[in-house]
Amino acid sequence: MVLIVYAIIAIIAIRIIVWLIRLPIRIAEDKGITGSKLATISALSWLGLLTADLTWLVALLLTFAFEPNNLIEEQTPQETIIPIDNLETLEKLSTLRDKGIISDAEFNREKQKIMDNL
């Protein structure tokens, strides 16, 4: 019975230690730190477990010192907004093209002029 209690205590202790080791890594990931900075924090954090020294604390401090990687910012594509008068002109040109009054080349040339002026 005593061995079971010791085993349970050991399992709980190991889970707490692993949670503590992963704490700087989780904080860094939540901040958006990636790449070599995250690898450094991870290595120092696990090294702190193996050597039982201050490297874990250094890893924790680095999570707050490093800035997140913002090399790739998510950008929403901007829609081209065509003014109403240009839109009406394009519709008229399209109608003229559909009726055969102007050719496709003339339509494309006029359309390009309108798009260049946006």
PDB file of N, CA and C in Angstrom:
ATOM      1  N   MET A   1       0.821  -1.190   0.000  1.00  0.00           N
ATOM      2  CA  MET A   1       0.000   0.000   0.000  1.00  0.00           C
ATOM      3  C   MET A   1       0.870   1.260   0.000  1.00  0.00           C
ATOM      4  N   VAL A   2       1.947   1.211   0.770  1.00  0.00           N
ATOM      5  CA  VAL A   2       2.846   2.360   0.858  1.00  0.00           C
ATOM      6  C   VAL A   2       3.495   2.621  -0.503  1.00  0.00           C
ATOM      7  N   LEU A   3       3.834   1.549  -1.231  1.00  0.00           N
ATOM      8  CA  LEU A   3       4.445   1.703  -2.544  1.00  0.00           C
ATOM      9  C   LEU A   3       3.502   2.384  -3.527  1.00  0.00           C
ATOM     10  N   ILE A   4       2.232   2.082  -3.433  1.00  0.00           N
ATOM     11  CA  ILE A   4       1.246   2.709  -4.304  1.00  0.00           C
ATOM     12  C   ILE A   4       1.180   4.215  -4.021  1.00  0.00           C
ATOM     13  N   VAL A   5       1.193   4.578  -2.763  1.00  0.00           N
ATOM     14  CA  VAL A   5       1.165   5.991  -2.387  1.00  0.00           C
ATOM     15  C   VAL A   5       2.409   6.699  -2.903  1.00  0.00           C
ATOM     16  N   TYR A   6       3.578   6.058  -2.740  1.00  0.00           N
ATOM     17  CA  TYR A   6       4.826   6.647  -3.242  1.00  0.00           C
ATOM     18  C   TYR A   6       4.790   6.783  -4.769  1.00  0.00           C
ATOM     19  N   ALA A   7       4.235   5.798  -5.436  1.00  0.00           N
ATOM     20  CA  ALA A   7       4.141   5.844  -6.893  1.00  0.00           C
ATOM     21  C   ALA A   7       3.236   6.988  -7.336  1.00  0.00           C
ATOM     22  N   ILE A   8       2.125   7.168  -6.653  1.00  0.00           N
ATOM     23  CA  ILE A   8       1.203   8.259  -6.980  1.00  0.00           C
ATOM     24  C   ILE A   8       1.873   9.608  -6.740  1.00  0.00           C
ATOM     25  N   ILE A   9       2.572   9.725  -5.635  1.00  0.00           N
ATOM     26  CA  ILE A   9       3.284  10.974  -5.333  1.00  0.00           C
ATOM     27  C   ILE A   9       4.357  11.243  -6.386  1.00  0.00           C
ATOM     28  N   ALA A  10       5.067  10.187  -6.804  1.00  0.00           N
ATOM     29  CA  ALA A  10       6.105  10.341  -7.829  1.00  0.00           C
ATOM     30  C   ALA A  10       5.502  10.779  -9.163  1.00  0.00           C
ATOM     31  N   ILE A  11       4.384  10.205  -9.534  1.00  0.00           N
ATOM     32  CA  ILE A  11       3.719  10.573 -10.785  1.00  0.00           C
ATOM     33  C   ILE A  11       3.264  12.029 -10.744  1.00  0.00           C
ATOM     34  N   ILE A  12       2.680  12.425  -9.634  1.00  0.00           N
ATOM     35  CA  ILE A  12       2.231  13.811  -9.488  1.00  0.00           C
ATOM     36  C   ILE A  12       3.426  14.768  -9.539  1.00  0.00           C
ATOM     37  N   ALA A  13       4.512  14.392  -8.863  1.00  0.00           N
ATOM     38  CA  ALA A  13       5.711  15.242  -8.866  1.00  0.00           C
ATOM     39  C   ALA A  13       6.282  15.377 -10.272  1.00  0.00           C
ATOM     40  N   ILE A  14       6.328  14.297 -11.015  1.00  0.00           N
ATOM     41  CA  ILE A  14       6.844  14.338 -12.386  1.00  0.00           C
ATOM     42  C   ILE A  14       5.964  15.221 -13.267  1.00  0.00           C
ATOM     43  N   ARG A  15       4.657  15.092 -13.114  1.00  0.00           N
ATOM     44  CA  ARG A  15       3.739  15.916 -13.913  1.00  0.00           C
ATOM     45  C   ARG A  15       3.916  17.403 -13.594  1.00  0.00           C
ATOM     46  N   ILE A  16       4.110  17.725 -12.327  1.00  0.00           N
ATOM     47  CA  ILE A  16       4.327  19.120 -11.936  1.00  0.00           C
ATOM     48  C   ILE A  16       5.643  19.640 -12.503  1.00  0.00           C
ATOM     49  N   ILE A  17       6.677  18.827 -12.442  1.00  0.00           N
ATOM     50  CA  ILE A  17       7.980  19.240 -12.967  1.00  0.00           C
ATOM     51  C   ILE A  17       7.905  19.474 -14.473  1.00  0.00           C
ATOM     52  N   VAL A  18       7.281  18.561 -15.190  1.00  0.00           N
ATOM     53  CA  VAL A  18       7.152  18.731 -16.643  1.00  0.00           C
ATOM     54  C   VAL A  18       6.307  19.960 -16.959  1.00  0.00           C
ATOM     55  N   TRP A  19       5.246  20.196 -16.198  1.00  0.00           N
ATOM     56  CA  TRP A  19       4.419  21.386 -16.407  1.00  0.00           C
ATOM     57  C   TRP A  19       5.253  22.656 -16.201  1.00  0.00           C
ATOM     58  N   LEU A  20       6.063  22.658 -15.147  1.00  0.00           N
ATOM     59  CA  LEU A  20       6.913  23.818 -14.891  1.00  0.00           C
ATOM     60  C   LEU A  20       7.954  24.014 -15.995  1.00  0.00           C
ATOM     61  N   ILE A  21       8.518  22.916 -16.482  1.00  0.00           N
ATOM     62  CA  ILE A  21       9.507  23.001 -17.550  1.00  0.00           C
ATOM     63  C   ILE A  21       8.866  23.573 -18.812  1.00  0.00           C
ATOM     64  N   ARG A  22       7.645  23.173 -19.102  1.00  0.00           N
ATOM     65  CA  ARG A  22       6.950  23.631 -20.307  1.00  0.00           C
ATOM     66  C   ARG A  22       6.386  25.049 -20.165  1.00  0.00           C
ATOM     67  N   LEU A  23       6.341  25.587 -18.968  1.00  0.00           N
ATOM     68  CA  LEU A  23       5.745  26.905 -18.749  1.00  0.00           C
ATOM     69  C   LEU A  23       6.390  28.000 -19.598  1.00  0.00           C
ATOM     70  N   PRO A  24       7.717  28.175 -19.594  1.00  0.00           N
ATOM     71  CA  PRO A  24       8.304  29.211 -20.453  1.00  0.00           C
ATOM     72  C   PRO A  24       8.024  28.980 -21.940  1.00  0.00           C
ATOM     73  N   ILE A  25       7.975  27.720 -22.343  1.00  0.00           N
ATOM     74  CA  ILE A  25       7.711  27.395 -23.749  1.00  0.00           C
ATOM     75  C   ILE A  25       6.290  27.793 -24.116  1.00  0.00           C
ATOM     76  N   ARG A  26       5.342  27.484 -23.249  1.00  0.00           N
ATOM     77  CA  ARG A  26       3.941  27.849 -23.514  1.00  0.00           C
ATOM     78  C   ARG A  26       3.764  29.358 -23.564  1.00  0.00           C
ATOM     79  N   ILE A  27       4.406  30.063 -22.646  1.00  0.00           N
ATOM     80  CA  ILE A  27       4.304  31.524 -22.637  1.00  0.00           C
ATOM     81  C   ILE A  27       4.875  32.094 -23.935  1.00  0.00           C
ATOM     82  N   ALA A  28       6.026  31.570 -24.361  1.00  0.00           N
ATOM     83  CA  ALA A  28       6.650  32.041 -25.607  1.00  0.00           C
ATOM     84  C   ALA A  28       5.754  31.767 -26.806  1.00  0.00           C
ATOM     85  N   GLU A  29       5.170  30.583 -26.865  1.00  0.00           N
ATOM     86  CA  GLU A  29       4.274  30.254 -27.983  1.00  0.00           C
ATOM     87  C   GLU A  29       3.056  31.155 -27.989  1.00  0.00           C
ATOM     88  N   ASP A  30       2.505  31.446 -26.817  1.00  0.00           N
ATOM     89  CA  ASP A  30       1.347  32.331 -26.726  1.00  0.00           C
ATOM     90  C   ASP A  30       1.673  33.753 -27.164  1.00  0.00           C
ATOM     91  N   LYS A  31       2.914  34.179 -26.927  1.00  0.00           N
ATOM     92  CA  LYS A  31       3.346  35.511 -27.343  1.00  0.00           C
ATOM     93  C   LYS A  31       3.642  35.582 -28.832  1.00  0.00           C
ATOM     94  N   GLY A  32       3.728  34.438 -29.488  1.00  0.00           N
ATOM     95  CA  GLY A  32       4.027  34.414 -30.913  1.00  0.00           C
ATOM     96  C   GLY A  32       5.506  34.301 -31.225  1.00  0.00           C
ATOM     97  N   ILE A  33       6.299  33.907 -30.242  1.00  0.00           N
ATOM     98  CA  ILE A  33       7.734  33.724 -30.460  1.00  0.00           C
ATOM     99  C   ILE A  33       7.937  32.385 -31.162  1.00  0.00           C
ATOM    100  N   THR A  34       8.702  32.398 -32.249  1.00  0.00           N
ATOM    101  CA  THR A  34       8.941  31.182 -33.017  1.00  0.00           C
ATOM    102  C   THR A  34      10.419  31.090 -33.396  1.00  0.00           C
ATOM    103  N   GLY A  35      10.745  30.047 -34.104  1.00  0.00           N
ATOM    104  CA  GLY A  35      12.085  29.898 -34.659  1.00  0.00           C
ATOM    105  C   GLY A  35      13.164  29.679 -33.623  1.00  0.00           C
ATOM    106  N   SER A  36      14.304  30.328 -33.853  1.00  0.00           N
ATOM    107  CA  SER A  36      15.467  30.105 -32.991  1.00  0.00           C
ATOM    108  C   SER A  36      15.243  30.636 -31.578  1.00  0.00           C
ATOM    109  N   LYS A  37      14.431  31.663 -31.442  1.00  0.00           N
ATOM    110  CA  LYS A  37      14.151  32.189 -30.101  1.00  0.00           C
ATOM    111  C   LYS A  37      13.391  31.151 -29.272  1.00  0.00           C
ATOM    112  N   LEU A  38      12.400  30.531 -29.890  1.00  0.00           N
ATOM    113  CA  LEU A  38      11.633  29.500 -29.188  1.00  0.00           C
ATOM    114  C   LEU A  38      12.508  28.288 -28.898  1.00  0.00           C
ATOM    115  N   ALA A  39      13.380  27.941 -29.824  1.00  0.00           N
ATOM    116  CA  ALA A  39      14.290  26.814 -29.602  1.00  0.00           C
ATOM    117  C   ALA A  39      15.232  27.096 -28.431  1.00  0.00           C
ATOM    118  N   THR A  40      15.697  28.333 -28.322  1.00  0.00           N
ATOM    119  CA  THR A  40      16.573  28.715 -27.210  1.00  0.00           C
ATOM    120  C   THR A  40      15.852  28.586 -25.881  1.00  0.00           C
ATOM    121  N   ILE A  41      14.643  29.099 -25.838  1.00  0.00           N
ATOM    122  CA  ILE A  41      13.850  29.023 -24.602  1.00  0.00           C
ATOM    123  C   ILE A  41      13.583  27.562 -24.243  1.00  0.00           C
ATOM    124  N   SER A  42      13.249  26.762 -25.230  1.00  0.00           N
ATOM    125  CA  SER A  42      12.965  25.349 -24.984  1.00  0.00           C
ATOM    126  C   SER A  42      14.199  24.620 -24.470  1.00  0.00           C
ATOM    127  N   ALA A  43      15.335  24.859 -25.110  1.00  0.00           N
ATOM    128  CA  ALA A  43      16.571  24.188 -24.690  1.00  0.00           C
ATOM    129  C   ALA A  43      16.961  24.580 -23.268  1.00  0.00           C
ATOM    130  N   LEU A  44      16.884  25.875 -22.955  1.00  0.00           N
ATOM    131  CA  LEU A  44      17.236  26.325 -21.605  1.00  0.00           C
ATOM    132  C   LEU A  44      16.264  25.775 -20.557  1.00  0.00           C
ATOM    133  N   SER A  45      15.010  25.704 -20.939  1.00  0.00           N
ATOM    134  CA  SER A  45      14.008  25.204 -20.005  1.00  0.00           C
ATOM    135  C   SER A  45      14.266  23.735 -19.660  1.00  0.00           C
ATOM    136  N   TRP A  46      14.505  22.902 -20.675  1.00  0.00           N
ATOM    137  CA  TRP A  46      14.770  21.487 -20.424  1.00  0.00           C
ATOM    138  C   TRP A  46      16.140  21.280 -19.781  1.00  0.00           C
ATOM    139  N   LEU A  47      17.109  22.123 -20.127  1.00  0.00           N
ATOM    140  CA  LEU A  47      18.428  22.028 -19.511  1.00  0.00           C
ATOM    141  C   LEU A  47      18.337  22.304 -18.010  1.00  0.00           C
ATOM    142  N   GLY A  48      17.435  23.210 -17.640  1.00  0.00           N
ATOM    143  CA  GLY A  48      17.216  23.488 -16.227  1.00  0.00           C
ATOM    144  C   GLY A  48      16.749  22.261 -15.466  1.00  0.00           C
ATOM    145  N   LEU A  49      15.981  21.398 -16.125  1.00  0.00           N
ATOM    146  CA  LEU A  49      15.535  20.160 -15.491  1.00  0.00           C
ATOM    147  C   LEU A  49      16.717  19.214 -15.272  1.00  0.00           C
ATOM    148  N   LEU A  50      17.553  19.105 -16.280  1.00  0.00           N
ATOM    149  CA  LEU A  50      18.664  18.153 -16.200  1.00  0.00           C
ATOM    150  C   LEU A  50      19.753  18.600 -15.240  1.00  0.00           C
ATOM    151  N   THR A  51      20.014  19.902 -15.181  1.00  0.00           N
ATOM    152  CA  THR A  51      21.128  20.383 -14.360  1.00  0.00           C
ATOM    153  C   THR A  51      20.686  20.954 -13.021  1.00  0.00           C
ATOM    154  N   ALA A  52      19.406  21.139 -12.859  1.00  0.00           N
ATOM    155  CA  ALA A  52      18.844  21.677 -11.604  1.00  0.00           C
ATOM    156  C   ALA A  52      19.531  22.987 -11.208  1.00  0.00           C
ATOM    157  N   ASP A  53      19.679  23.866 -12.205  1.00  0.00           N
ATOM    158  CA  ASP A  53      20.272  25.167 -11.891  1.00  0.00           C
ATOM    159  C   ASP A  53      19.354  26.291 -12.398  1.00  0.00           C
ATOM    160  N   LEU A  54      19.904  27.437 -12.632  1.00  0.00           N
ATOM    161  CA  LEU A  54      19.105  28.614 -12.955  1.00  0.00           C
ATOM    162  C   LEU A  54      18.744  28.751 -14.427  1.00  0.00           C
ATOM    163  N   THR A  55      19.080  27.782 -15.251  1.00  0.00           N
ATOM    164  CA  THR A  55      18.774  27.934 -16.671  1.00  0.00           C
ATOM    165  C   THR A  55      17.269  27.996 -16.927  1.00  0.00           C
ATOM    166  N   TRP A  56      16.474  27.338 -16.086  1.00  0.00           N
ATOM    167  CA  TRP A  56      15.025  27.425 -16.238  1.00  0.00           C
ATOM    168  C   TRP A  56      14.570  28.858 -16.013  1.00  0.00           C
ATOM    169  N   LEU A  57      15.124  29.511 -15.007  1.00  0.00           N
ATOM    170  CA  LEU A  57      14.778  30.899 -14.725  1.00  0.00           C
ATOM    171  C   LEU A  57      15.200  31.802 -15.879  1.00  0.00           C
ATOM    172  N   VAL A  58      16.349  31.533 -16.469  1.00  0.00           N
ATOM    173  CA  VAL A  58      16.801  32.297 -17.636  1.00  0.00           C
ATOM    174  C   VAL A  58      15.816  32.112 -18.789  1.00  0.00           C
ATOM    175  N   ALA A  59      15.370  30.897 -19.002  1.00  0.00           N
ATOM    176  CA  ALA A  59      14.389  30.620 -20.054  1.00  0.00           C
ATOM    177  C   ALA A  59      13.101  31.402 -19.803  1.00  0.00           C
ATOM    178  N   LEU A  60      12.660  31.429 -18.566  1.00  0.00           N
ATOM    179  CA  LEU A  60      11.451  32.158 -18.224  1.00  0.00           C
ATOM    180  C   LEU A  60      11.627  33.658 -18.468  1.00  0.00           C
ATOM    181  N   LEU A  61      12.778  34.193 -18.095  1.00  0.00           N
ATOM    182  CA  LEU A  61      13.031  35.621 -18.310  1.00  0.00           C
ATOM    183  C   LEU A  61      13.128  35.964 -19.795  1.00  0.00           C
ATOM    184  N   LEU A  62      13.696  35.054 -20.576  1.00  0.00           N
ATOM    185  CA  LEU A  62      13.801  35.298 -22.016  1.00  0.00           C
ATOM    186  C   LEU A  62      12.431  35.353 -22.690  1.00  0.00           C
ATOM    187  N   THR A  63      11.466  34.610 -22.151  1.00  0.00           N
ATOM    188  CA  THR A  63      10.126  34.662 -22.745  1.00  0.00           C
ATOM    189  C   THR A  63       9.546  36.064 -22.658  1.00  0.00           C
ATOM    190  N   PHE A  64       9.941  36.807 -21.652  1.00  0.00           N
ATOM    191  CA  PHE A  64       9.443  38.175 -21.516  1.00  0.00           C
ATOM    192  C   PHE A  64      10.356  39.174 -22.206  1.00  0.00           C
ATOM    193  N   ALA A  65      11.617  38.796 -22.445  1.00  0.00           N
ATOM    194  CA  ALA A  65      12.556  39.712 -23.096  1.00  0.00           C
ATOM    195  C   ALA A  65      12.431  39.665 -24.616  1.00  0.00           C
ATOM    196  N   PHE A  66      12.182  38.478 -25.170  1.00  0.00           N
ATOM    197  CA  PHE A  66      12.087  38.347 -26.621  1.00  0.00           C
ATOM    198  C   PHE A  66      10.796  38.943 -27.136  1.00  0.00           C
ATOM    199  N   GLU A  67      10.894  39.577 -28.285  1.00  0.00           N
ATOM    200  CA  GLU A  67       9.711  40.096 -28.961  1.00  0.00           C
ATOM    201  C   GLU A  67       9.185  39.032 -29.918  1.00  0.00           C
ATOM    202  N   PRO A  68       7.885  39.032 -30.147  1.00  0.00           N
ATOM    203  CA  PRO A  68       7.335  38.047 -31.085  1.00  0.00           C
ATOM    204  C   PRO A  68       7.853  38.288 -32.501  1.00  0.00           C
ATOM    205  N   ASN A  69       7.845  37.224 -33.286  1.00  0.00           N
ATOM    206  CA  ASN A  69       8.262  37.331 -34.683  1.00  0.00           C
ATOM    207  C   ASN A  69       7.083  37.845 -35.497  1.00  0.00           C
ATOM    208  N   ASN A  70       7.259  38.998 -36.091  1.00  0.00           N
ATOM    209  CA  ASN A  70       6.203  39.577 -36.925  1.00  0.00           C
ATOM    210  C   ASN A  70       6.682  39.725 -38.357  1.00  0.00           C
ATOM    211  N   LEU A  71       7.435  38.751 -38.817  1.00  0.00           N
ATOM    212  CA  LEU A  71       7.953  38.849 -40.170  1.00  0.00           C
ATOM    213  C   LEU A  71       6.847  38.744 -41.197  1.00  0.00           C
ATOM    214  N   ILE A  72       5.888  37.900 -40.921  1.00  0.00           N
ATOM    215  CA  ILE A  72       4.783  37.719 -41.852  1.00  0.00           C
ATOM    216  C   ILE A  72       3.517  38.199 -41.163  1.00  0.00           C
ATOM    217  N   GLU A  73       3.047  39.328 -41.593  1.00  0.00           N
ATOM    218  CA  GLU A  73       1.831  39.858 -41.020  1.00  0.00           C
ATOM    219  C   GLU A  73       0.665  39.446 -41.907  1.00  0.00           C
ATOM    220  N   GLU A  74      -0.386  39.068 -41.233  1.00  0.00           N
ATOM    221  CA  GLU A  74      -1.565  38.699 -41.996  1.00  0.00           C
ATOM    222  C   GLU A  74      -2.211  39.964 -42.513  1.00  0.00           C
ATOM    223  N   GLN A  75      -2.396  40.014 -43.817  1.00  0.00           N
ATOM    224  CA  GLN A  75      -3.013  41.171 -44.429  1.00  0.00           C
ATOM    225  C   GLN A  75      -4.231  40.711 -45.196  1.00  0.00           C
ATOM    226  N   THR A  76      -5.276  41.442 -45.038  1.00  0.00           N
ATOM    227  CA  THR A  76      -6.460  41.134 -45.810  1.00  0.00           C
ATOM    228  C   THR A  76      -6.326  41.838 -47.150  1.00  0.00           C
ATOM    229  N   PRO A  77      -6.633  41.134 -48.207  1.00  0.00           N
ATOM    230  CA  PRO A  77      -6.517  41.779 -49.513  1.00  0.00           C
ATOM    231  C   PRO A  77      -7.499  42.943 -49.610  1.00  0.00           C
ATOM    232  N   GLN A  78      -7.007  44.040 -50.121  1.00  0.00           N
ATOM    233  CA  GLN A  78      -7.865  45.201 -50.259  1.00  0.00           C
ATOM    234  C   GLN A  78      -8.641  45.081 -51.557  1.00  0.00           C
ATOM    235  N   GLU A  79      -9.918  45.313 -51.449  1.00  0.00           N
ATOM    236  CA  GLU A  79     -10.758  45.251 -52.628  1.00  0.00           C
ATOM    237  C   GLU A  79     -10.622  46.556 -53.400  1.00  0.00           C
ATOM    238  N   THR A  80     -10.651  46.443 -54.708  1.00  0.00           N
ATOM    239  CA  THR A  80     -10.631  47.630 -55.537  1.00  0.00           C
ATOM    240  C   THR A  80     -12.044  48.177 -55.588  1.00  0.00           C
ATOM    241  N   ILE A  81     -12.194  49.387 -55.138  1.00  0.00           N
ATOM    242  CA  ILE A  81     -13.509  50.011 -55.147  1.00  0.00           C
ATOM    243  C   ILE A  81     -13.584  50.909 -56.373  1.00  0.00           C
ATOM    244  N   ILE A  82     -14.522  50.586 -57.239  1.00  0.00           N
ATOM    245  CA  ILE A  82     -14.685  51.355 -58.460  1.00  0.00           C
ATOM    246  C   ILE A  82     -15.782  52.380 -58.215  1.00  0.00           C
ATOM    247  N   PRO A  83     -15.487  53.666 -58.444  1.00  0.00           N
ATOM    248  CA  PRO A  83     -16.528  54.681 -58.282  1.00  0.00           C
ATOM    249  C   PRO A  83     -17.729  54.392 -59.183  1.00  0.00           C
ATOM    250  N   ILE A  84     -18.892  54.879 -58.763  1.00  0.00           N
ATOM    251  CA  ILE A  84     -20.140  54.569 -59.465  1.00  0.00           C
ATOM    252  C   ILE A  84     -20.105  55.044 -60.908  1.00  0.00           C
ATOM    253  N   ASP A  85     -19.574  56.245 -61.157  1.00  0.00           N
ATOM    254  CA  ASP A  85     -19.561  56.728 -62.536  1.00  0.00           C
ATOM    255  C   ASP A  85     -18.674  55.857 -63.419  1.00  0.00           C
ATOM    256  N   ASN A  86     -17.548  55.366 -62.879  1.00  0.00           N
ATOM    257  CA  ASN A  86     -16.703  54.448 -63.647  1.00  0.00           C
ATOM    258  C   ASN A  86     -17.402  53.113 -63.854  1.00  0.00           C
ATOM    259  N   LEU A  87     -18.135  52.665 -62.862  1.00  0.00           N
ATOM    260  CA  LEU A  87     -18.872  51.411 -62.974  1.00  0.00           C
ATOM    261  C   LEU A  87     -19.957  51.525 -64.041  1.00  0.00           C
ATOM    262  N   GLU A  88     -20.649  52.656 -64.059  1.00  0.00           N
ATOM    263  CA  GLU A  88     -21.687  52.873 -65.074  1.00  0.00           C
ATOM    264  C   GLU A  88     -21.066  52.917 -66.467  1.00  0.00           C
ATOM    265  N   THR A  89     -19.903  53.534 -66.568  1.00  0.00           N
ATOM    266  CA  THR A  89     -19.217  53.595 -67.863  1.00  0.00           C
ATOM    267  C   THR A  89     -18.830  52.200 -68.323  1.00  0.00           C
ATOM    268  N   LEU A  90     -18.317  51.378 -67.393  1.00  0.00           N
ATOM    269  CA  LEU A  90     -17.962  50.000 -67.746  1.00  0.00           C
ATOM    270  C   LEU A  90     -19.190  49.206 -68.185  1.00  0.00           C
ATOM    271  N   GLU A  91     -20.301  49.420 -67.504  1.00  0.00           N
ATOM    272  CA  GLU A  91     -21.535  48.717 -67.890  1.00  0.00           C
ATOM    273  C   GLU A  91     -21.991  49.139 -69.284  1.00  0.00           C
ATOM    274  N   LYS A  92     -21.899  50.425 -69.570  1.00  0.00           N
ATOM    275  CA  LYS A  92     -22.287  50.915 -70.896  1.00  0.00           C
ATOM    276  C   LYS A  92     -21.364  50.351 -71.974  1.00  0.00           C
ATOM    277  N   LEU A  93     -20.057  50.347 -71.667  1.00  0.00           N
ATOM    278  CA  LEU A  93     -19.108  49.782 -72.626  1.00  0.00           C
ATOM    279  C   LEU A  93     -19.376  48.303 -72.859  1.00  0.00           C
ATOM    280  N   SER A  94     -19.710  47.585 -71.786  1.00  0.00           N
ATOM    281  CA  SER A  94     -20.015  46.164 -71.895  1.00  0.00           C
ATOM    282  C   SER A  94     -21.247  45.942 -72.766  1.00  0.00           C
ATOM    283  N   THR A  95     -22.249  46.794 -72.574  1.00  0.00           N
ATOM    284  CA  THR A  95     -23.472  46.689 -73.381  1.00  0.00           C
ATOM    285  C   THR A  95     -23.160  46.961 -74.853  1.00  0.00           C
ATOM    286  N   LEU A  96     -22.345  47.999 -75.106  1.00  0.00           N
ATOM    287  CA  LEU A  96     -21.969  48.311 -76.488  1.00  0.00           C
ATOM    288  C   LEU A  96     -21.193  47.161 -77.125  1.00  0.00           C
ATOM    289  N   ARG A  97     -20.324  46.527 -76.340  1.00  0.00           N
ATOM    290  CA  ARG A  97     -19.558  45.388 -76.848  1.00  0.00           C
ATOM    291  C   ARG A  97     -20.482  44.214 -77.145  1.00  0.00           C
ATOM    292  N   ASP A  98     -21.436  43.954 -76.217  1.00  0.00           N
ATOM    293  CA  ASP A  98     -22.357  42.835 -76.402  1.00  0.00           C
ATOM    294  C   ASP A  98     -23.242  43.030 -77.627  1.00  0.00           C
ATOM    295  N   LYS A  99     -23.571  44.274 -77.952  1.00  0.00           N
ATOM    296  CA  LYS A  99     -24.422  44.566 -79.124  1.00  0.00           C
ATOM    297  C   LYS A  99     -23.606  44.619 -80.406  1.00  0.00           C
ATOM    298  N   GLY A 100     -22.273  44.564 -80.276  1.00  0.00           N
ATOM    299  CA  GLY A 100     -21.418  44.567 -81.454  1.00  0.00           C
ATOM    300  C   GLY A 100     -21.084  45.953 -81.962  1.00  0.00           C
ATOM    301  N   ILE A 101     -21.412  46.984 -81.191  1.00  0.00           N
ATOM    302  CA  ILE A 101     -21.145  48.352 -81.620  1.00  0.00           C
ATOM    303  C   ILE A 101     -19.656  48.668 -81.507  1.00  0.00           C
ATOM    304  N   ILE A 102     -19.006  48.134 -80.449  1.00  0.00           N
ATOM    305  CA  ILE A 102     -17.554  48.285 -80.316  1.00  0.00           C
ATOM    306  C   ILE A 102     -16.926  46.894 -80.246  1.00  0.00           C
ATOM    307  N   SER A 103     -15.659  46.810 -80.614  1.00  0.00           N
ATOM    308  CA  SER A 103     -14.968  45.517 -80.606  1.00  0.00           C
ATOM    309  C   SER A 103     -14.448  45.206 -79.197  1.00  0.00           C
ATOM    310  N   ASP A 104     -13.993  43.965 -79.037  1.00  0.00           N
ATOM    311  CA  ASP A 104     -13.409  43.560 -77.754  1.00  0.00           C
ATOM    312  C   ASP A 104     -12.157  44.374 -77.453  1.00  0.00           C
ATOM    313  N   ALA A 105     -11.365  44.651 -78.490  1.00  0.00           N
ATOM    314  CA  ALA A 105     -10.134  45.429 -78.289  1.00  0.00           C
ATOM    315  C   ALA A 105     -10.461  46.839 -77.803  1.00  0.00           C
ATOM    316  N   GLU A 106     -11.495  47.466 -78.398  1.00  0.00           N
ATOM    317  CA  GLU A 106     -11.891  48.816 -77.964  1.00  0.00           C
ATOM    318  C   GLU A 106     -12.402  48.786 -76.517  1.00  0.00           C
ATOM    319  N   PHE A 107     -13.194  47.757 -76.215  1.00  0.00           N
ATOM    320  CA  PHE A 107     -13.713  47.616 -74.851  1.00  0.00           C
ATOM    321  C   PHE A 107     -12.565  47.469 -73.861  1.00  0.00           C
ATOM    322  N   ASN A 108     -11.611  46.595 -74.158  1.00  0.00           N
ATOM    323  CA  ASN A 108     -10.481  46.367 -73.249  1.00  0.00           C
ATOM    324  C   ASN A 108      -9.621  47.613 -73.098  1.00  0.00           C
ATOM    325  N   ARG A 109      -9.437  48.365 -74.201  1.00  0.00           N
ATOM    326  CA  ARG A 109      -8.649  49.594 -74.140  1.00  0.00           C
ATOM    327  C   ARG A 109      -9.324  50.619 -73.230  1.00  0.00           C
ATOM    328  N   GLU A 110     -10.622  50.807 -73.384  1.00  0.00           N
ATOM    329  CA  GLU A 110     -11.357  51.772 -72.557  1.00  0.00           C
ATOM    330  C   GLU A 110     -11.426  51.306 -71.092  1.00  0.00           C
ATOM    331  N   LYS A 111     -11.587  50.010 -70.907  1.00  0.00           N
ATOM    332  CA  LYS A 111     -11.624  49.453 -69.556  1.00  0.00           C
ATOM    333  C   LYS A 111     -10.283  49.680 -68.866  1.00  0.00           C
ATOM    334  N   GLN A 112      -9.189  49.469 -69.608  1.00  0.00           N
ATOM    335  CA  GLN A 112      -7.858  49.683 -69.037  1.00  0.00           C
ATOM    336  C   GLN A 112      -7.647  51.148 -68.669  1.00  0.00           C
ATOM    337  N   LYS A 113      -8.151  52.064 -69.462  1.00  0.00           N
ATOM    338  CA  LYS A 113      -8.051  53.491 -69.140  1.00  0.00           C
ATOM    339  C   LYS A 113      -8.755  53.803 -67.823  1.00  0.00           C
ATOM    340  N   ILE A 114      -9.945  53.216 -67.665  1.00  0.00           N
ATOM    341  CA  ILE A 114     -10.706  53.449 -66.420  1.00  0.00           C
ATOM    342  C   ILE A 114      -9.976  52.851 -65.229  1.00  0.00           C
ATOM    343  N   MET A 115      -9.447  51.634 -65.382  1.00  0.00           N
ATOM    344  CA  MET A 115      -8.751  50.982 -64.274  1.00  0.00           C
ATOM    345  C   MET A 115      -7.460  51.708 -63.909  1.00  0.00           C
ATOM    346  N   ASP A 116      -6.786  52.279 -64.910  1.00  0.00           N
ATOM    347  CA  ASP A 116      -5.547  53.028 -64.655  1.00  0.00           C
ATOM    348  C   ASP A 116      -5.815  54.308 -63.875  1.00  0.00           C
ATOM    349  N   ASN A 117      -7.012  54.854 -64.003  1.00  0.00           N
ATOM    350  CA  ASN A 117      -7.355  56.111 -63.332  1.00  0.00           C
ATOM    351  C   ASN A 117      -7.882  55.920 -61.912  1.00  0.00           C
ATOM    352  N   LEU A 118      -7.978  54.676 -61.449  1.00  0.00           N
ATOM    353  CA  LEU A 118      -8.507  54.431 -60.092  1.00  0.00           C
ATOM    354  C   LEU A 118      -7.544  54.875 -59.035  1.00  0.00           C
TER     355      LEU A 118
END
